Amino acid sequence: MRLNNKTAIITGGAQGFGAGIVDKFLTEGAKVVVADINGDMATTKANEHNNAIPCTVDVADAASVQAMIDTALSAWGHIDIIVNNAGVTHLPAPMETVSETDFDRVFAVNCKSIYLIAQALVPHMKSRNTGAILNVSSTAGLSPRPNLNWYNASKGWVNTATKAMAVELAPHGIRVNAINPVAGETPLLASFMGEDTPEIRAKFLSSIPLGRFSQPEDMGNAAAFLCSDEASMITGTLMEVDGGRCI
């Protein structure tokens, strides 16, 4: 019960890596807001557990983000943890052919959301002189793959933002870390690969020394540790949860 009585918001929490983090946090004793742009799926996920509240959110919209924060504060009075997990990608394509619409969407969801959530939540955490922020990045930001250029760049932004946030917020008792998963068994997998075929899966897996994709449970385990008091001396780290992909 390493997160006993901790309160947490997990964005993109209805499916994929986010759902794995939700499950682990609740198992470890946390109270969780399952925040997702798909409100029906957020409700379904929250209903699987006690101590879970669903919330429909567009993380790229300031008013929607503020409403999410208000939902958590209204329920619990304080927020200990935010997991910035919501993310999107563009389909694999030469960089110059990716549409401006897709570019803007990737940076709005993957990057601007972290800024908006910081605006809405950091003052609260500063007032309590405590808090844990976890950004879900990607190995794409550390060891980029061809044809995912702007997604790679967005996750490089997340990595730099994580370190910058950690340095600035440390004097306020707020820790900021990131996890960097390799491609996983999530709804985004087919988008990363372009199409989901046995041949393409085998090619992806050949670049992962441990020989398997990341699972939602892997992300939940890493996230629970980094957001717990066991990691009280860890901030600004980019934890590679990638089966050795970045070696």
Protein backbone atom coordinates (compact mmCIF):
# COMPACT_ATOMS: atom_id res chain seq x y z
CA MET A 1 0.00 0.00 0.00
CA ARG A 2 2.77 2.42 -0.93
CA LEU A 3 0.25 5.06 -2.07
CA ASN A 4 -2.12 4.67 0.86
CA ASN A 5 -4.41 7.72 1.15
CA LYS A 6 -2.59 9.55 -1.66
CA THR A 7 -4.80 11.38 -4.15
CA ALA A 8 -3.97 11.22 -7.84
CA ILE A 9 -5.18 12.36 -11.24
CA ILE A 10 -4.24 10.15 -14.19
CA THR A 11 -4.91 11.60 -17.64
CA GLY A 12 -5.62 9.22 -20.48
CA GLY A 13 -6.55 6.82 -17.69
CA ALA A 14 -9.35 4.92 -19.41
CA GLN A 15 -7.21 2.60 -21.53
CA GLY A 16 -3.70 1.53 -22.47
CA PHE A 17 -0.81 2.56 -20.23
CA GLY A 18 -3.08 4.93 -18.32
CA ALA A 19 -5.43 2.11 -17.34
CA GLY A 20 -2.48 0.09 -16.10
CA ILE A 21 -1.38 3.03 -13.94
CA VAL A 22 -4.93 3.50 -12.62
CA ASP A 23 -5.15 -0.18 -11.63
CA LYS A 24 -1.78 -0.15 -9.87
CA PHE A 25 -2.42 3.12 -8.00
CA LEU A 26 -5.74 1.86 -6.68
CA THR A 27 -4.21 -1.45 -5.66
CA GLU A 28 -1.55 0.54 -3.76
CA GLY A 29 -4.20 2.47 -1.83
CA ALA A 30 -4.54 5.72 -3.79
CA LYS A 31 -7.71 7.63 -4.56
CA VAL A 32 -7.79 8.29 -8.29
CA VAL A 33 -9.49 10.54 -10.81
CA VAL A 34 -9.66 8.61 -14.08
CA ALA A 35 -9.45 11.49 -16.56
CA ASP A 36 -9.94 10.85 -20.27
CA ILE A 37 -11.31 12.57 -23.35
CA ASN A 38 -13.62 9.57 -23.71
CA GLY A 39 -15.99 10.11 -20.81
CA ASP A 40 -17.86 6.83 -21.25
CA MET A 41 -14.63 4.84 -21.09
CA ALA A 42 -13.46 6.84 -18.07
CA THR A 43 -16.72 5.99 -16.30
CA THR A 44 -16.41 2.32 -17.18
CA LYS A 45 -12.84 2.21 -15.88
CA ALA A 46 -13.67 4.09 -12.68
CA ASN A 47 -16.59 1.76 -12.00
CA GLU A 48 -14.20 -1.19 -11.88
CA HIS A 49 -12.87 0.08 -8.55
CA ASN A 50 -13.73 1.76 -5.29
CA ASN A 51 -12.00 5.10 -4.69
CA ALA A 52 -12.05 6.03 -8.40
CA ILE A 53 -13.83 9.05 -9.93
CA PRO A 54 -14.35 9.50 -13.69
CA CYS A 55 -13.72 12.83 -15.37
CA THR A 56 -14.08 13.84 -19.01
CA VAL A 57 -11.21 16.11 -20.00
CA ASP A 58 -9.57 17.64 -23.05
CA VAL A 59 -6.02 18.09 -21.74
CA ALA A 60 -5.25 20.62 -24.49
CA ASP A 61 -8.00 22.99 -23.30
CA ALA A 62 -7.37 25.23 -20.29
CA ALA A 63 -10.98 25.39 -19.11
CA SER A 64 -11.34 21.61 -19.31
CA VAL A 65 -8.09 21.12 -17.38
CA GLN A 66 -9.24 23.52 -14.66
CA ALA A 67 -12.54 21.65 -14.38
CA MET A 68 -10.57 18.41 -13.91
CA ILE A 69 -8.50 19.95 -11.11
CA ASP A 70 -11.65 21.34 -9.51
CA THR A 71 -13.28 17.88 -9.63
CA ALA A 72 -10.39 16.38 -7.68
CA LEU A 73 -10.21 19.23 -5.16
CA SER A 74 -13.95 19.11 -4.63
CA ALA A 75 -13.76 15.38 -3.88
CA TRP A 76 -10.67 15.32 -1.67
CA GLY A 77 -9.56 18.84 -0.79
CA HIS A 78 -6.03 18.28 -2.04
CA ILE A 79 -4.08 16.61 -4.86
CA ASP A 80 -0.86 14.72 -4.17
CA ILE A 81 -0.04 13.29 -7.61
CA ILE A 82 -0.63 14.09 -11.27
CA VAL A 83 0.28 11.59 -13.99
CA ASN A 84 0.42 13.31 -17.39
CA ASN A 85 -0.23 10.20 -19.45
CA ALA A 86 -2.57 11.40 -22.21
CA GLY A 87 -0.80 11.31 -25.56
CA VAL A 88 -1.26 10.98 -29.31
CA THR A 89 0.92 10.36 -32.33
CA HIS A 90 0.80 10.92 -36.06
CA LEU A 91 0.95 8.02 -38.50
CA PRO A 92 4.46 7.08 -39.68
CA ALA A 93 5.32 9.30 -42.64
CA PRO A 94 8.20 11.38 -44.02
CA MET A 95 8.47 14.49 -41.86
CA GLU A 96 7.62 16.93 -44.63
CA THR A 97 4.35 15.13 -45.43
CA VAL A 98 2.82 15.26 -41.94
CA SER A 99 -0.08 17.71 -42.00
CA GLU A 100 -0.07 20.89 -39.95
CA THR A 101 -3.26 19.67 -38.29
CA ASP A 102 -1.56 16.48 -37.13
CA PHE A 103 1.52 18.42 -35.98
CA ASP A 104 -0.60 20.83 -33.93
CA ARG A 105 -2.59 17.98 -32.38
CA VAL A 106 0.55 16.08 -31.33
CA PHE A 107 2.08 19.10 -29.62
CA ALA A 108 -1.21 20.21 -28.07
CA VAL A 109 -1.88 16.84 -26.41
CA ASN A 110 1.70 15.76 -25.66
CA CYS A 111 3.23 19.11 -24.66
CA LYS A 112 0.74 21.95 -24.16
CA SER A 113 -1.24 19.73 -21.78
CA ILE A 114 1.70 19.56 -19.37
CA TYR A 115 1.94 23.36 -19.42
CA LEU A 116 -1.80 23.80 -18.82
CA ILE A 117 -1.87 21.26 -16.00
CA ALA A 118 1.16 22.90 -14.39
CA GLN A 119 -0.60 26.28 -14.54
CA ALA A 120 -3.67 24.83 -12.86
CA LEU A 121 -2.04 22.55 -10.29
CA VAL A 122 1.43 23.79 -9.35
CA PRO A 123 0.13 26.70 -7.21
CA HIS A 124 -1.86 24.19 -5.15
CA MET A 125 1.15 21.91 -4.72
CA LYS A 126 3.36 24.89 -3.81
CA SER A 127 0.87 25.92 -1.14
CA ARG A 128 1.24 22.48 0.45
CA ASN A 129 5.02 22.26 -0.17
CA THR A 130 4.63 18.75 -1.53
CA GLY A 131 3.58 16.89 -4.65
CA ALA A 132 4.64 14.42 -7.33
CA ILE A 133 4.33 15.03 -11.06
CA LEU A 134 4.95 12.15 -13.46
CA ASN A 135 5.13 12.73 -17.21
CA VAL A 136 4.70 9.75 -19.51
CA SER A 137 7.25 10.29 -22.26
CA SER A 138 8.64 7.70 -24.70
CA THR A 139 11.81 6.10 -25.92
CA ALA A 140 11.00 8.07 -29.08
CA GLY A 141 12.28 11.15 -27.26
CA LEU A 142 15.59 9.43 -26.44
CA SER A 143 16.25 7.22 -29.46
CA PRO A 144 14.05 8.44 -32.33
CA ARG A 145 12.64 6.19 -35.04
CA PRO A 146 12.42 7.40 -38.66
CA ASN A 147 9.06 8.67 -39.93
CA LEU A 148 7.77 9.60 -36.48
CA ASN A 149 9.71 12.85 -36.47
CA TRP A 150 7.24 15.24 -34.85
CA TYR A 151 6.10 12.66 -32.30
CA ASN A 152 9.76 12.03 -31.45
CA ALA A 153 10.26 15.78 -31.05
CA SER A 154 7.23 16.16 -28.81
CA LYS A 155 8.58 13.50 -26.45
CA GLY A 156 12.01 15.14 -26.49
CA TRP A 157 10.17 18.27 -25.31
CA VAL A 158 8.57 16.23 -22.51
CA ASN A 159 11.99 14.96 -21.39
CA THR A 160 13.49 18.45 -21.26
CA ALA A 161 10.40 19.90 -19.58
CA THR A 162 10.57 17.16 -16.94
CA LYS A 163 14.14 18.09 -15.97
CA ALA A 164 13.42 21.83 -16.07
CA MET A 165 10.31 21.41 -13.92
CA ALA A 166 12.23 19.23 -11.46
CA VAL A 167 14.93 21.86 -10.94
CA GLU A 168 12.48 24.72 -10.52
CA LEU A 169 10.01 22.93 -8.27
CA ALA A 170 12.46 21.09 -6.00
CA PRO A 171 12.68 23.98 -3.48
CA HIS A 172 8.90 23.69 -3.10
CA GLY A 173 9.00 20.01 -2.20
CA ILE A 174 7.59 18.94 -5.57
CA ARG A 175 9.22 16.06 -7.43
CA VAL A 176 8.95 15.71 -11.22
CA ASN A 177 9.95 12.56 -13.12
CA ALA A 178 9.18 10.82 -16.40
CA ILE A 179 8.86 7.27 -17.60
CA ASN A 180 9.96 6.42 -21.12
CA PRO A 181 8.19 3.30 -22.39
CA VAL A 182 8.87 1.53 -25.62
CA ALA A 183 5.90 0.78 -27.90
CA GLY A 184 3.33 -1.22 -25.97
CA GLU A 185 0.15 -3.21 -26.23
CA THR A 186 -2.08 -0.13 -26.31
CA PRO A 187 -4.51 1.44 -28.80
CA LEU A 188 -1.61 3.57 -30.14
CA LEU A 189 0.48 0.56 -31.23
CA ALA A 190 -1.03 0.30 -34.70
CA SER A 191 -0.52 4.04 -35.20
CA PHE A 192 3.18 3.77 -34.29
CA MET A 193 3.68 0.88 -36.67
CA GLY A 194 1.54 2.20 -39.52
CA GLU A 195 -0.23 -1.13 -39.66
CA ASP A 196 -0.35 -4.10 -37.31
CA THR A 197 1.00 -7.20 -39.05
CA PRO A 198 3.08 -10.12 -37.74
CA GLU A 199 6.01 -8.97 -39.89
CA ILE A 200 5.99 -5.39 -38.60
CA ARG A 201 5.58 -6.61 -35.00
CA ALA A 202 8.59 -8.88 -35.44
CA LYS A 203 10.65 -5.97 -36.78
CA PHE A 204 9.71 -3.80 -33.79
CA LEU A 205 10.40 -6.58 -31.31
CA SER A 206 13.83 -7.22 -32.80
CA SER A 207 14.93 -3.78 -31.50
CA ILE A 208 13.92 -4.59 -27.89
CA PRO A 209 16.53 -6.75 -26.11
CA LEU A 210 14.02 -8.27 -23.69
CA GLY A 211 11.93 -9.27 -26.69
CA ARG A 212 8.50 -7.96 -25.79
CA PHE A 213 6.43 -4.81 -25.92
CA SER A 214 5.77 -2.68 -22.83
CA GLN A 215 2.60 -3.67 -20.99
CA PRO A 216 0.26 -1.40 -19.03
CA GLU A 217 1.32 -3.27 -15.88
CA ASP A 218 4.96 -2.31 -16.49
CA MET A 219 4.01 1.35 -16.56
CA GLY A 220 1.86 0.99 -13.46
CA ASN A 221 4.71 -0.57 -11.48
CA ALA A 222 7.22 2.12 -12.48
CA ALA A 223 4.75 4.96 -11.94
CA ALA A 224 3.73 3.72 -8.50
CA PHE A 225 7.35 3.65 -7.36
CA LEU A 226 8.26 7.09 -8.72
CA CYS A 227 5.16 8.70 -7.20
CA SER A 228 5.59 7.02 -3.81
CA ASP A 229 7.55 8.18 -0.78
CA GLU A 230 10.05 5.40 -1.54
CA ALA A 231 11.29 7.64 -4.37
CA SER A 232 11.53 10.75 -2.18
CA MET A 233 15.13 11.38 -3.29
CA ILE A 234 14.39 10.94 -7.00
CA THR A 235 13.51 13.91 -9.18
CA GLY A 236 14.30 14.86 -12.77
CA THR A 237 14.87 11.27 -13.81
CA LEU A 238 13.83 9.83 -17.17
CA MET A 239 13.22 6.18 -16.35
CA GLU A 240 13.53 3.91 -19.39
CA VAL A 241 10.86 1.23 -19.05
CA ASP A 242 11.75 -0.17 -22.42
CA GLY A 243 13.22 -3.66 -22.20
CA GLY A 244 16.64 -2.29 -23.13
CA ARG A 245 15.50 -0.51 -26.31
CA CYS A 246 17.66 2.58 -25.59
CA ILE A 247 20.89 0.74 -24.80
